[in-house]
PDB file of N, CA and C in Angstrom:
ATOM      1  N   UNK A   1     125.399  99.786  68.561  1.00  0.00           N
ATOM      2  CA  UNK A   1     124.557  99.283  69.617  1.00  0.00           C
ATOM      3  C   UNK A   1     124.006  97.917  69.183  1.00  0.00           C
ATOM      4  N   UNK A   2     124.068  96.936  70.099  1.00  0.00           N
ATOM      5  CA  UNK A   2     123.584  95.600  69.738  1.00  0.00           C
ATOM      6  C   UNK A   2     122.053  95.576  69.688  1.00  0.00           C
ATOM      7  N   UNK A   3     121.518  94.510  69.131  1.00  0.00           N
ATOM      8  CA  UNK A   3     120.077  94.411  68.891  1.00  0.00           C
ATOM      9  C   UNK A   3     119.250  94.441  70.172  1.00  0.00           C
ATOM     10  N   UNK A   4     119.731  93.807  71.248  1.00  0.00           N
ATOM     11  CA  UNK A   4     118.984  93.815  72.512  1.00  0.00           C
ATOM     12  C   UNK A   4     118.880  95.232  73.067  1.00  0.00           C
ATOM     13  N   UNK A   5     119.968  95.988  73.006  1.00  0.00           N
ATOM     14  CA  UNK A   5     119.941  97.370  73.505  1.00  0.00           C
ATOM     15  C   UNK A   5     119.018  98.229  72.649  1.00  0.00           C
ATOM     16  N   UNK A   6     119.031  98.025  71.336  1.00  0.00           N
ATOM     17  CA  UNK A   6     118.137  98.774  70.449  1.00  0.00           C
ATOM     18  C   UNK A   6     116.678  98.486  70.792  1.00  0.00           C
ATOM     19  N   UNK A   7     116.374  97.214  71.032  1.00  0.00           N
ATOM     20  CA  UNK A   7     115.007  96.835  71.384  1.00  0.00           C
ATOM     21  C   UNK A   7     114.586  97.481  72.692  1.00  0.00           C
ATOM     22  N   UNK A   8     115.451  97.443  73.719  1.00  0.00           N
ATOM     23  CA  UNK A   8     115.132  98.061  75.012  1.00  0.00           C
ATOM     24  C   UNK A   8     114.897  99.559  74.853  1.00  0.00           C
ATOM     25  N   UNK A   9     115.738 100.226  74.059  1.00  0.00           N
ATOM     26  CA  UNK A   9     115.568 101.665  73.844  1.00  0.00           C
ATOM     27  C   UNK A   9     114.249 101.951  73.137  1.00  0.00           C
ATOM     28  N   UNK A  10     113.883 101.129  72.170  1.00  0.00           N
ATOM     29  CA  UNK A  10     112.596 101.295  71.484  1.00  0.00           C
ATOM     30  C   UNK A  10     111.437 101.094  72.447  1.00  0.00           C
ATOM     31  N   UNK A  11     111.563 100.122  73.359  1.00  0.00           N
ATOM     32  CA  UNK A  11     110.510  99.879  74.346  1.00  0.00           C
ATOM     33  C   UNK A  11     110.386 101.066  75.300  1.00  0.00           C
ATOM     34  N   UNK A  12     111.507 101.615  75.730  1.00  0.00           N
ATOM     35  CA  UNK A  12     111.486 102.769  76.628  1.00  0.00           C
ATOM     36  C   UNK A  12     110.855 103.966  75.913  1.00  0.00           C
ATOM     37  N   UNK A  13     111.275 104.226  74.690  1.00  0.00           N
ATOM     38  CA  UNK A  13     110.711 105.342  73.928  1.00  0.00           C
ATOM     39  C   UNK A  13     109.207 105.168  73.740  1.00  0.00           C
ATOM     40  N   UNK A  14     108.774 103.972  73.438  1.00  0.00           N
ATOM     41  CA  UNK A  14     107.353 103.704  73.265  1.00  0.00           C
ATOM     42  C   UNK A  14     106.593 103.935  74.566  1.00  0.00           C
ATOM     43  N   UNK A  15     107.146 103.458  75.690  1.00  0.00           N
ATOM     44  CA  UNK A  15     106.499 103.645  76.991  1.00  0.00           C
ATOM     45  C   UNK A  15     106.402 105.126  77.345  1.00  0.00           C
ATOM     46  N   UNK A  16     107.359 105.924  76.898  1.00  0.00           N
ATOM     47  CA  UNK A  16     107.342 107.365  77.146  1.00  0.00           C
ATOM     48  C   UNK A  16     106.450 108.121  76.163  1.00  0.00           C
ATOM     49  N   UNK A  17     105.961 107.430  75.134  1.00  0.00           N
ATOM     50  CA  UNK A  17     105.117 108.075  74.140  1.00  0.00           C
ATOM     51  C   UNK A  17     105.888 108.896  73.127  1.00  0.00           C
ATOM     52  N   UNK A  18     107.170 108.575  72.945  1.00  0.00           N
ATOM     53  CA  UNK A  18     108.018 109.342  72.009  1.00  0.00           C
ATOM     54  C   UNK A  18     108.606 108.448  70.920  1.00  0.00           C
ATOM     55  N   UNK A  19     107.932 107.347  70.626  1.00  0.00           N
ATOM     56  CA  UNK A  19     108.456 106.390  69.646  1.00  0.00           C
ATOM     57  C   UNK A  19     108.677 107.034  68.272  1.00  0.00           C
ATOM     58  N   UNK A  20     107.869 108.015  67.914  1.00  0.00           N
ATOM     59  CA  UNK A  20     107.977 108.649  66.605  1.00  0.00           C
ATOM     60  C   UNK A  20     108.961 109.806  66.541  1.00  0.00           C
ATOM     61  N   UNK A  21     109.581 110.136  67.672  1.00  0.00           N
ATOM     62  CA  UNK A  21     110.519 111.260  67.713  1.00  0.00           C
ATOM     63  C   UNK A  21     111.924 110.755  67.389  1.00  0.00           C
ATOM     64  N   UNK A  22     112.606 111.443  66.503  1.00  0.00           N
ATOM     65  CA  UNK A  22     113.983 111.086  66.164  1.00  0.00           C
ATOM     66  C   UNK A  22     114.882 111.362  67.369  1.00  0.00           C
ATOM     67  N   UNK A  23     115.727 110.376  67.717  1.00  0.00           N
ATOM     68  CA  UNK A  23     116.557 110.502  68.912  1.00  0.00           C
ATOM     69  C   UNK A  23     117.967 109.956  68.687  1.00  0.00           C
ATOM     70  N   UNK A  24     118.849 110.367  69.581  1.00  0.00           N
ATOM     71  CA  UNK A  24     120.160 109.761  69.741  1.00  0.00           C
ATOM     72  C   UNK A  24     120.197 109.264  71.178  1.00  0.00           C
ATOM     73  N   UNK A  25     120.664 108.033  71.369  1.00  0.00           N
ATOM     74  CA  UNK A  25     120.643 107.416  72.695  1.00  0.00           C
ATOM     75  C   UNK A  25     122.064 107.040  73.094  1.00  0.00           C
ATOM     76  N   UNK A  26     122.427 107.361  74.359  1.00  0.00           N
ATOM     77  CA  UNK A  26     123.760 107.006  74.847  1.00  0.00           C
ATOM     78  C   UNK A  26     123.794 107.086  76.368  1.00  0.00           C
ATOM     79  N   UNK A  27     124.829 106.510  76.957  1.00  0.00           N
ATOM     80  CA  UNK A  27     125.137 106.742  78.370  1.00  0.00           C
ATOM     81  C   UNK A  27     126.041 107.969  78.397  1.00  0.00           C
ATOM     82  N   UNK A  28     126.201 108.581  79.580  1.00  0.00           N
ATOM     83  CA  UNK A  28     127.026 109.782  79.658  1.00  0.00           C
ATOM     84  C   UNK A  28     127.788 109.817  80.964  1.00  0.00           C
ATOM     85  N   UNK A  29     129.031 110.251  80.879  1.00  0.00           N
ATOM     86  CA  UNK A  29     129.882 110.407  82.064  1.00  0.00           C
ATOM     87  C   UNK A  29     130.574 111.757  81.978  1.00  0.00           C
ATOM     88  N   UNK A  30     130.556 112.452  83.085  1.00  0.00           N
ATOM     89  CA  UNK A  30     131.194 113.753  83.189  1.00  0.00           C
ATOM     90  C   UNK A  30     132.698 113.627  82.960  1.00  0.00           C
ATOM     91  N   UNK A  31     133.298 114.679  82.432  1.00  0.00           N
ATOM     92  CA  UNK A  31     134.743 114.680  82.246  1.00  0.00           C
ATOM     93  C   UNK A  31     135.472 115.061  83.534  1.00  0.00           C
ATOM     94  N   UNK A  32     134.725 115.539  84.522  1.00  0.00           N
ATOM     95  CA  UNK A  32     135.325 115.924  85.803  1.00  0.00           C
ATOM     96  C   UNK A  32     135.534 114.692  86.672  1.00  0.00           C
ATOM     97  N   UNK A  33     136.667 114.624  87.334  1.00  0.00           N
ATOM     98  CA  UNK A  33     136.941 113.492  88.226  1.00  0.00           C
ATOM     99  C   UNK A  33     136.191 113.633  89.547  1.00  0.00           C
ATOM    100  N   UNK A  34     136.298 114.764  90.174  1.00  0.00           N
ATOM    101  CA  UNK A  34     135.610 115.006  91.449  1.00  0.00           C
ATOM    102  C   UNK A  34     134.441 115.945  91.205  1.00  0.00           C
ATOM    103  N   UNK A  35     133.289 115.596  91.738  1.00  0.00           N
ATOM    104  CA  UNK A  35     132.114 116.438  91.563  1.00  0.00           C
ATOM    105  C   UNK A  35     131.444 116.251  90.227  1.00  0.00           C
ATOM    106  N   UNK A  36     131.846 115.236  89.490  1.00  0.00           N
ATOM    107  CA  UNK A  36     131.251 114.957  88.195  1.00  0.00           C
ATOM    108  C   UNK A  36     129.979 114.150  88.348  1.00  0.00           C
ATOM    109  N   UNK A  37     129.560 113.540  87.262  1.00  0.00           N
ATOM    110  CA  UNK A  37     128.319 112.779  87.277  1.00  0.00           C
ATOM    111  C   UNK A  37     128.351 111.695  86.212  1.00  0.00           C
ATOM    112  N   UNK A  38     127.537 110.680  86.431  1.00  0.00           N
ATOM    113  CA  UNK A  38     127.353 109.601  85.463  1.00  0.00           C
ATOM    114  C   UNK A  38     125.855 109.417  85.300  1.00  0.00           C
ATOM    115  N   UNK A  39     125.410 109.304  84.055  1.00  0.00           N
ATOM    116  CA  UNK A  39     123.986 109.140  83.762  1.00  0.00           C
ATOM    117  C   UNK A  39     123.807 107.839  82.999  1.00  0.00           C
ATOM    118  N   UNK A  40     122.842 107.033  83.461  1.00  0.00           N
ATOM    119  CA  UNK A  40     122.623 105.703  82.898  1.00  0.00           C
ATOM    120  C   UNK A  40     122.250 105.748  81.424  1.00  0.00           C
ATOM    121  N   UNK A  41     121.343 106.646  81.058  1.00  0.00           N
ATOM    122  CA  UNK A  41     120.858 106.699  79.680  1.00  0.00           C
ATOM    123  C   UNK A  41     120.365 108.095  79.362  1.00  0.00           C
ATOM    124  N   UNK A  42     120.821 108.641  78.250  1.00  0.00           N
ATOM    125  CA  UNK A  42     120.303 109.906  77.728  1.00  0.00           C
ATOM    126  C   UNK A  42     119.544 109.621  76.446  1.00  0.00           C
ATOM    127  N   UNK A  43     118.365 110.174  76.341  1.00  0.00           N
ATOM    128  CA  UNK A  43     117.610 110.117  75.087  1.00  0.00           C
ATOM    129  C   UNK A  43     117.533 111.557  74.595  1.00  0.00           C
ATOM    130  N   UNK A  44     118.409 111.885  73.664  1.00  0.00           N
ATOM    131  CA  UNK A  44     118.521 113.239  73.121  1.00  0.00           C
ATOM    132  C   UNK A  44     117.568 113.339  71.938  1.00  0.00           C
ATOM    133  N   UNK A  45     116.498 114.093  72.144  1.00  0.00           N
ATOM    134  CA  UNK A  45     115.412 114.159  71.168  1.00  0.00           C
ATOM    135  C   UNK A  45     115.551 115.361  70.240  1.00  0.00           C
ATOM    136  N   UNK A  46     115.101 115.197  69.016  1.00  0.00           N
ATOM    137  CA  UNK A  46     115.151 116.280  68.024  1.00  0.00           C
ATOM    138  C   UNK A  46     114.115 117.355  68.300  1.00  0.00           C
ATOM    139  N   UNK A  47     113.221 117.129  69.277  1.00  0.00           N
ATOM    140  CA  UNK A  47     112.195 118.118  69.596  1.00  0.00           C
ATOM    141  C   UNK A  47     112.602 119.050  70.728  1.00  0.00           C
ATOM    142  N   UNK A  48     113.891 119.089  71.052  1.00  0.00           N
ATOM    143  CA  UNK A  48     114.384 120.043  72.036  1.00  0.00           C
ATOM    144  C   UNK A  48     114.346 119.571  73.477  1.00  0.00           C
ATOM    145  N   UNK A  49     114.239 118.266  73.678  1.00  0.00           N
ATOM    146  CA  UNK A  49     114.180 117.689  75.022  1.00  0.00           C
ATOM    147  C   UNK A  49     115.234 116.595  75.138  1.00  0.00           C
ATOM    148  N   UNK A  50     115.831 116.478  76.309  1.00  0.00           N
ATOM    149  CA  UNK A  50     116.691 115.336  76.617  1.00  0.00           C
ATOM    150  C   UNK A  50     116.081 114.621  77.811  1.00  0.00           C
ATOM    151  N   UNK A  51     115.733 113.345  77.629  1.00  0.00           N
ATOM    152  CA  UNK A  51     115.296 112.523  78.754  1.00  0.00           C
ATOM    153  C   UNK A  51     116.555 112.011  79.440  1.00  0.00           C
ATOM    154  N   UNK A  52     116.732 112.415  80.692  1.00  0.00           N
ATOM    155  CA  UNK A  52     117.859 111.987  81.512  1.00  0.00           C
ATOM    156  C   UNK A  52     117.338 110.814  82.339  1.00  0.00           C
ATOM    157  N   UNK A  53     117.731 109.604  81.946  1.00  0.00           N
ATOM    158  CA  UNK A  53     117.152 108.394  82.532  1.00  0.00           C
ATOM    159  C   UNK A  53     118.042 107.798  83.613  1.00  0.00           C
ATOM    160  N   UNK A  54     117.434 107.593  84.764  1.00  0.00           N
ATOM    161  CA  UNK A  54     118.072 106.907  85.874  1.00  0.00           C
ATOM    162  C   UNK A  54     117.361 105.577  86.046  1.00  0.00           C
ATOM    163  N   UNK A  55     118.119 104.505  86.168  1.00  0.00           N
ATOM    164  CA  UNK A  55     117.550 103.161  86.299  1.00  0.00           C
ATOM    165  C   UNK A  55     117.813 102.631  87.692  1.00  0.00           C
ATOM    166  N   UNK A  56     116.732 102.260  88.383  1.00  0.00           N
ATOM    167  CA  UNK A  56     116.841 101.779  89.757  1.00  0.00           C
ATOM    168  C   UNK A  56     115.963 100.549  89.961  1.00  0.00           C
ATOM    169  N   UNK A  57     116.493  99.578  90.687  1.00  0.00           N
ATOM    170  CA  UNK A  57     115.720  98.399  91.068  1.00  0.00           C
ATOM    171  C   UNK A  57     115.353  98.501  92.537  1.00  0.00           C
ATOM    172  N   UNK A  58     114.121  98.186  92.840  1.00  0.00           N
ATOM    173  CA  UNK A  58     113.649  98.115  94.223  1.00  0.00           C
ATOM    174  C   UNK A  58     112.550  97.063  94.269  1.00  0.00           C
ATOM    175  N   UNK A  59     112.379  96.405  95.396  1.00  0.00           N
ATOM    176  CA  UNK A  59     111.340  95.379  95.497  1.00  0.00           C
ATOM    177  C   UNK A  59     109.944  95.992  95.510  1.00  0.00           C
ATOM    178  N   UNK A  60     109.828  97.264  95.900  1.00  0.00           N
ATOM    179  CA  UNK A  60     108.572  98.007  95.857  1.00  0.00           C
ATOM    180  C   UNK A  60     108.816  99.300  95.117  1.00  0.00           C
ATOM    181  N   UNK A  61     108.019 100.291  95.416  1.00  0.00           N
ATOM    182  CA  UNK A  61     108.235 101.589  94.801  1.00  0.00           C
ATOM    183  C   UNK A  61     109.590 102.148  95.245  1.00  0.00           C
ATOM    184  N   UNK A  62     110.284 102.795  94.320  1.00  0.00           N
ATOM    185  CA  UNK A  62     111.574 103.395  94.634  1.00  0.00           C
ATOM    186  C   UNK A  62     111.327 104.743  95.299  1.00  0.00           C
ATOM    187  N   UNK A  63     111.956 104.972  96.438  1.00  0.00           N
ATOM    188  CA  UNK A  63     111.778 106.206  97.184  1.00  0.00           C
ATOM    189  C   UNK A  63     113.006 107.103  97.019  1.00  0.00           C
ATOM    190  N   UNK A  64     112.770 108.328  96.590  1.00  0.00           N
ATOM    191  CA  UNK A  64     113.836 109.319  96.466  1.00  0.00           C
ATOM    192  C   UNK A  64     113.945 110.061  97.793  1.00  0.00           C
ATOM    193  N   UNK A  65     115.106 109.984  98.422  1.00  0.00           N
ATOM    194  CA  UNK A  65     115.356 110.699  99.675  1.00  0.00           C
ATOM    195  C   UNK A  65     116.117 111.985  99.407  1.00  0.00           C
ATOM    196  N   UNK A  66     116.375 112.724 100.457  1.00  0.00           N
ATOM    197  CA  UNK A  66     117.062 114.016 100.336  1.00  0.00           C
ATOM    198  C   UNK A  66     118.438 113.878  99.690  1.00  0.00           C
ATOM    199  N   UNK A  67     119.203 112.881 100.101  1.00  0.00           N
ATOM    200  CA  UNK A  67     120.557 112.703  99.572  1.00  0.00           C
ATOM    201  C   UNK A  67     120.521 112.365  98.079  1.00  0.00           C
ATOM    202  N   UNK A  68     119.639 111.434  97.685  1.00  0.00           N
ATOM    203  CA  UNK A  68     119.557 111.053  96.273  1.00  0.00           C
ATOM    204  C   UNK A  68     118.983 112.195  95.441  1.00  0.00           C
ATOM    205  N   UNK A  69     118.046 112.961  95.994  1.00  0.00           N
ATOM    206  CA  UNK A  69     117.504 114.125  95.282  1.00  0.00           C
ATOM    207  C   UNK A  69     118.621 115.118  94.972  1.00  0.00           C
ATOM    208  N   UNK A  70     119.510 115.336  95.929  1.00  0.00           N
ATOM    209  CA  UNK A  70     120.647 116.238  95.711  1.00  0.00           C
ATOM    210  C   UNK A  70     121.566 115.692  94.622  1.00  0.00           C
ATOM    211  N   UNK A  71     121.774 114.370  94.602  1.00  0.00           N
ATOM    212  CA  UNK A  71     122.593 113.749  93.558  1.00  0.00           C
ATOM    213  C   UNK A  71     121.956 113.948  92.181  1.00  0.00           C
ATOM    214  N   UNK A  72     120.638 113.773  92.106  1.00  0.00           N
ATOM    215  CA  UNK A  72     119.936 113.956  90.830  1.00  0.00           C
ATOM    216  C   UNK A  72     120.060 115.399  90.346  1.00  0.00           C
ATOM    217  N   UNK A  73     119.863 116.346  91.246  1.00  0.00           N
ATOM    218  CA  UNK A  73     119.994 117.752  90.869  1.00  0.00           C
ATOM    219  C   UNK A  73     121.409 118.072  90.417  1.00  0.00           C
ATOM    220  N   UNK A  74     122.413 117.462  91.063  1.00  0.00           N
ATOM    221  CA  UNK A  74     123.805 117.648  90.653  1.00  0.00           C
ATOM    222  C   UNK A  74     124.033 117.082  89.255  1.00  0.00           C
ATOM    223  N   UNK A  75     123.493 115.901  88.986  1.00  0.00           N
ATOM    224  CA  UNK A  75     123.665 115.297  87.660  1.00  0.00           C
ATOM    225  C   UNK A  75     123.113 116.207  86.576  1.00  0.00           C
ATOM    226  N   UNK A  76     121.922 116.747  86.797  1.00  0.00           N
ATOM    227  CA  UNK A  76     121.312 117.633  85.806  1.00  0.00           C
ATOM    228  C   UNK A  76     122.146 118.902  85.624  1.00  0.00           C
ATOM    229  N   UNK A  77     122.632 119.450  86.720  1.00  0.00           N
ATOM    230  CA  UNK A  77     123.443 120.663  86.675  1.00  0.00           C
ATOM    231  C   UNK A  77     124.769 120.431  85.937  1.00  0.00           C
ATOM    232  N   UNK A  78     125.447 119.332  86.260  1.00  0.00           N
ATOM    233  CA  UNK A  78     126.721 119.011  85.617  1.00  0.00           C
ATOM    234  C   UNK A  78     126.515 118.739  84.128  1.00  0.00           C
ATOM    235  N   UNK A  79     125.456 118.013  83.781  1.00  0.00           N
ATOM    236  CA  UNK A  79     125.162 117.744  82.369  1.00  0.00           C
ATOM    237  C   UNK A  79     124.957 119.047  81.607  1.00  0.00           C
ATOM    238  N   UNK A  80     124.143 119.931  82.160  1.00  0.00           N
ATOM    239  CA  UNK A  80     123.878 121.205  81.486  1.00  0.00           C
ATOM    240  C   UNK A  80     125.166 122.019  81.350  1.00  0.00           C
ATOM    241  N   UNK A  81     125.957 122.081  82.418  1.00  0.00           N
ATOM    242  CA  UNK A  81     127.194 122.872  82.410  1.00  0.00           C
ATOM    243  C   UNK A  81     128.204 122.319  81.399  1.00  0.00           C
ATOM    244  N   UNK A  82     128.407 121.017  81.404  1.00  0.00           N
ATOM    245  CA  UNK A  82     129.451 120.442  80.543  1.00  0.00           C
ATOM    246  C   UNK A  82     129.047 120.356  79.078  1.00  0.00           C
ATOM    247  N   UNK A  83     127.762 120.143  78.816  1.00  0.00           N
ATOM    248  CA  UNK A  83     127.330 120.015  77.422  1.00  0.00           C
ATOM    249  C   UNK A  83     126.889 121.345  76.831  1.00  0.00           C
ATOM    250  N   UNK A  84     126.642 122.334  77.710  1.00  0.00           N
ATOM    251  CA  UNK A  84     126.155 123.646  77.279  1.00  0.00           C
ATOM    252  C   UNK A  84     124.854 123.546  76.471  1.00  0.00           C
ATOM    253  N   UNK A  85     124.050 122.522  76.763  1.00  0.00           N
ATOM    254  CA  UNK A  85     122.797 122.349  76.044  1.00  0.00           C
ATOM    255  C   UNK A  85     121.769 123.374  76.494  1.00  0.00           C
ATOM    256  N   UNK A  86     120.953 123.811  75.554  1.00  0.00           N
ATOM    257  CA  UNK A  86     119.835 124.682  75.901  1.00  0.00           C
ATOM    258  C   UNK A  86     118.521 123.914  75.837  1.00  0.00           C
ATOM    259  N   UNK A  87     118.612 122.586  75.637  1.00  0.00           N
ATOM    260  CA  UNK A  87     117.417 121.749  75.591  1.00  0.00           C
ATOM    261  C   UNK A  87     116.829 121.586  76.986  1.00  0.00           C
ATOM    262  N   UNK A  88     115.554 121.277  77.021  1.00  0.00           N
ATOM    263  CA  UNK A  88     114.885 121.000  78.286  1.00  0.00           C
ATOM    264  C   UNK A  88     115.326 119.627  78.786  1.00  0.00           C
ATOM    265  N   UNK A  89     115.695 119.536  80.068  1.00  0.00           N
ATOM    266  CA  UNK A  89     116.123 118.264  80.654  1.00  0.00           C
ATOM    267  C   UNK A  89     114.957 117.674  81.443  1.00  0.00           C
ATOM    268  N   UNK A  90     114.519 116.481  81.048  1.00  0.00           N
ATOM    269  CA  UNK A  90     113.429 115.794  81.721  1.00  0.00           C
ATOM    270  C   UNK A  90     113.984 114.575  82.438  1.00  0.00           C
ATOM    271  N   UNK A  91     113.914 114.591  83.757  1.00  0.00           N
ATOM    272  CA  UNK A  91     114.366 113.448  84.534  1.00  0.00           C
ATOM    273  C   UNK A  91     113.354 112.324  84.394  1.00  0.00           C
ATOM    274  N   UNK A  92     113.828 111.177  83.945  1.00  0.00           N
ATOM    275  CA  UNK A  92     112.991 110.003  83.734  1.00  0.00           C
ATOM    276  C   UNK A  92     113.528 108.870  84.588  1.00  0.00           C
ATOM    277  N   UNK A  93     112.679 108.327  85.443  1.00  0.00           N
ATOM    278  CA  UNK A  93     113.068 107.204  86.288  1.00  0.00           C
ATOM    279  C   UNK A  93     112.560 105.913  85.645  1.00  0.00           C
ATOM    280  N   UNK A  94     113.463 104.964  85.484  1.00  0.00           N
ATOM    281  CA  UNK A  94     113.110 103.639  84.985  1.00  0.00           C
ATOM    282  C   UNK A  94     113.317 102.693  86.156  1.00  0.00           C
ATOM    283  N   UNK A  95     112.212 102.189  86.680  1.00  0.00           N
ATOM    284  CA  UNK A  95     112.246 101.405  87.904  1.00  0.00           C
ATOM    285  C   UNK A  95     111.418 100.135  87.769  1.00  0.00           C
ATOM    286  N   UNK A  96     111.625  99.233  88.712  1.00  0.00           N
ATOM    287  CA  UNK A  96     110.862  97.992  88.697  1.00  0.00           C
ATOM    288  C   UNK A  96     109.387  98.225  89.029  1.00  0.00           C
ATOM    289  N   UNK A  97     109.108  99.110  89.990  1.00  0.00           N
ATOM    290  CA  UNK A  97     107.725  99.291  90.459  1.00  0.00           C
ATOM    291  C   UNK A  97     107.280 100.743  90.565  1.00  0.00           C
ATOM    292  N   UNK A  98     107.974 101.651  89.945  1.00  0.00           N
ATOM    293  CA  UNK A  98     107.577 103.049  89.992  1.00  0.00           C
ATOM    294  C   UNK A  98     108.262 103.822  91.099  1.00  0.00           C
ATOM    295  N   UNK A  99     107.965 105.110  91.151  1.00  0.00           N
ATOM    296  CA  UNK A  99     108.555 106.015  92.137  1.00  0.00           C
ATOM    297  C   UNK A  99     107.495 106.353  93.181  1.00  0.00           C
ATOM    298  N   UNK A 100     107.883 106.225  94.432  1.00  0.00           N
ATOM    299  CA  UNK A 100     106.978 106.538  95.533  1.00  0.00           C
ATOM    300  C   UNK A 100     106.754 108.041  95.604  1.00  0.00           C
ATOM    301  N   UNK A 101     105.497 108.439  95.780  1.00  0.00           N
ATOM    302  CA  UNK A 101     105.178 109.863  95.915  1.00  0.00           C
ATOM    303  C   UNK A 101     105.666 110.358  97.270  1.00  0.00           C
ATOM    304  N   UNK A 102     106.508 111.379  97.221  1.00  0.00           N
ATOM    305  CA  UNK A 102     106.968 112.058  98.430  1.00  0.00           C
ATOM    306  C   UNK A 102     107.426 113.452  98.030  1.00  0.00           C
ATOM    307  N   UNK A 103     108.020 114.177  98.943  1.00  0.00           N
ATOM    308  CA  UNK A 103     108.402 115.559  98.669  1.00  0.00           C
ATOM    309  C   UNK A 103     109.449 115.703  97.571  1.00  0.00           C
ATOM    310  N   UNK A 104     110.177 114.629  97.245  1.00  0.00           N
ATOM    311  CA  UNK A 104     111.225 114.688  96.223  1.00  0.00           C
ATOM    312  C   UNK A 104     110.787 114.125  94.875  1.00  0.00           C
ATOM    313  N   UNK A 105     109.661 113.465  94.833  1.00  0.00           N
ATOM    314  CA  UNK A 105     109.177 112.858  93.593  1.00  0.00           C
ATOM    315  C   UNK A 105     108.880 113.902  92.516  1.00  0.00           C
ATOM    316  N   UNK A 106     108.704 115.153  92.910  1.00  0.00           N
ATOM    317  CA  UNK A 106     108.410 116.216  91.940  1.00  0.00           C
ATOM    318  C   UNK A 106     109.579 116.476  90.993  1.00  0.00           C
ATOM    319  N   UNK A 107     110.750 115.976  91.314  1.00  0.00           N
ATOM    320  CA  UNK A 107     111.904 116.110  90.411  1.00  0.00           C
ATOM    321  C   UNK A 107     111.713 115.297  89.136  1.00  0.00           C
ATOM    322  N   UNK A 108     110.887 114.262  89.213  1.00  0.00           N
ATOM    323  CA  UNK A 108     110.718 113.305  88.121  1.00  0.00           C
ATOM    324  C   UNK A 108     109.662 113.809  87.135  1.00  0.00           C
ATOM    325  N   UNK A 109     110.052 113.942  85.867  1.00  0.00           N
ATOM    326  CA  UNK A 109     109.126 114.362  84.816  1.00  0.00           C
ATOM    327  C   UNK A 109     108.310 113.194  84.288  1.00  0.00           C
ATOM    328  N   UNK A 110     108.951 112.026  84.212  1.00  0.00           N
ATOM    329  CA  UNK A 110     108.265 110.848  83.685  1.00  0.00           C
ATOM    330  C   UNK A 110     108.908 109.602  84.271  1.00  0.00           C
ATOM    331  N   UNK A 111     108.154 108.513  84.225  1.00  0.00           N
ATOM    332  CA  UNK A 111     108.700 107.260  84.727  1.00  0.00           C
ATOM    333  C   UNK A 111     108.235 106.106  83.867  1.00  0.00           C
ATOM    334  N   UNK A 112     109.066 105.081  83.851  1.00  0.00           N
ATOM    335  CA  UNK A 112     108.769 103.843  83.145  1.00  0.00           C
ATOM    336  C   UNK A 112     108.952 102.720  84.155  1.00  0.00           C
ATOM    337  N   UNK A 113     107.926 101.891  84.274  1.00  0.00           N
ATOM    338  CA  UNK A 113     107.989 100.732  85.165  1.00  0.00           C
ATOM    339  C   UNK A 113     108.309  99.496  84.339  1.00  0.00           C
ATOM    340  N   UNK A 114     108.790  98.484  84.998  1.00  0.00           N
ATOM    341  CA  UNK A 114     109.099  97.223  84.333  1.00  0.00           C
ATOM    342  C   UNK A 114     107.891  96.707  83.552  1.00  0.00           C
ATOM    343  N   UNK A 115     106.705  96.799  84.159  1.00  0.00           N
ATOM    344  CA  UNK A 115     105.477  96.362  83.477  1.00  0.00           C
ATOM    345  C   UNK A 115     105.233  97.125  82.186  1.00  0.00           C
ATOM    346  N   UNK A 116     105.588  98.405  82.158  1.00  0.00           N
ATOM    347  CA  UNK A 116     105.391  99.221  80.953  1.00  0.00           C
ATOM    348  C   UNK A 116     106.196  98.672  79.776  1.00  0.00           C
ATOM    349  N   UNK A 117     107.351  98.109  80.078  1.00  0.00           N
ATOM    350  CA  UNK A 117     108.216  97.592  79.015  1.00  0.00           C
ATOM    351  C   UNK A 117     107.672  96.295  78.426  1.00  0.00           C
ATOM    352  N   UNK A 118     106.954  95.539  79.216  1.00  0.00           N
ATOM    353  CA  UNK A 118     106.413  94.271  78.728  1.00  0.00           C
ATOM    354  C   UNK A 118     105.055  94.435  78.070  1.00  0.00           C
ATOM    355  N   UNK A 119     104.406  95.609  78.235  1.00  0.00           N
ATOM    356  CA  UNK A 119     103.127  95.857  77.594  1.00  0.00           C
ATOM    357  C   UNK A 119     103.258  96.652  76.313  1.00  0.00           C
ATOM    358  N   UNK A 120     104.484  96.955  75.925  1.00  0.00           N
ATOM    359  CA  UNK A 120     104.735  97.757  74.731  1.00  0.00           C
ATOM    360  C   UNK A 120     104.659  96.873  73.506  1.00  0.00           C
TER     361      UNK A 120
END
């Protein structure tokens, strides 16, 4: 991993409050062609948690709708099925301005805003 990516990962971990936790960081793509999934960033933590990070840009708060909520649930399901992990999966949204509160926002365990990365 190049130095810029390492720095960004350290900033994300710090913003999440897990800077001291030993982790492995990677992107992930399902081995299935149809019905598979792609995840922007996984932070696989030694404390039994995997932060499943989705990165989205929006000019305001990012709104999760019914269709995208179903996609997120599919990603988590496919990841668990293909990796056979027993770790807790925490959906983490990394967005420019945060996630808008609505009926689907409850899927999100944690979020990192662009401002959070510059205050780290």
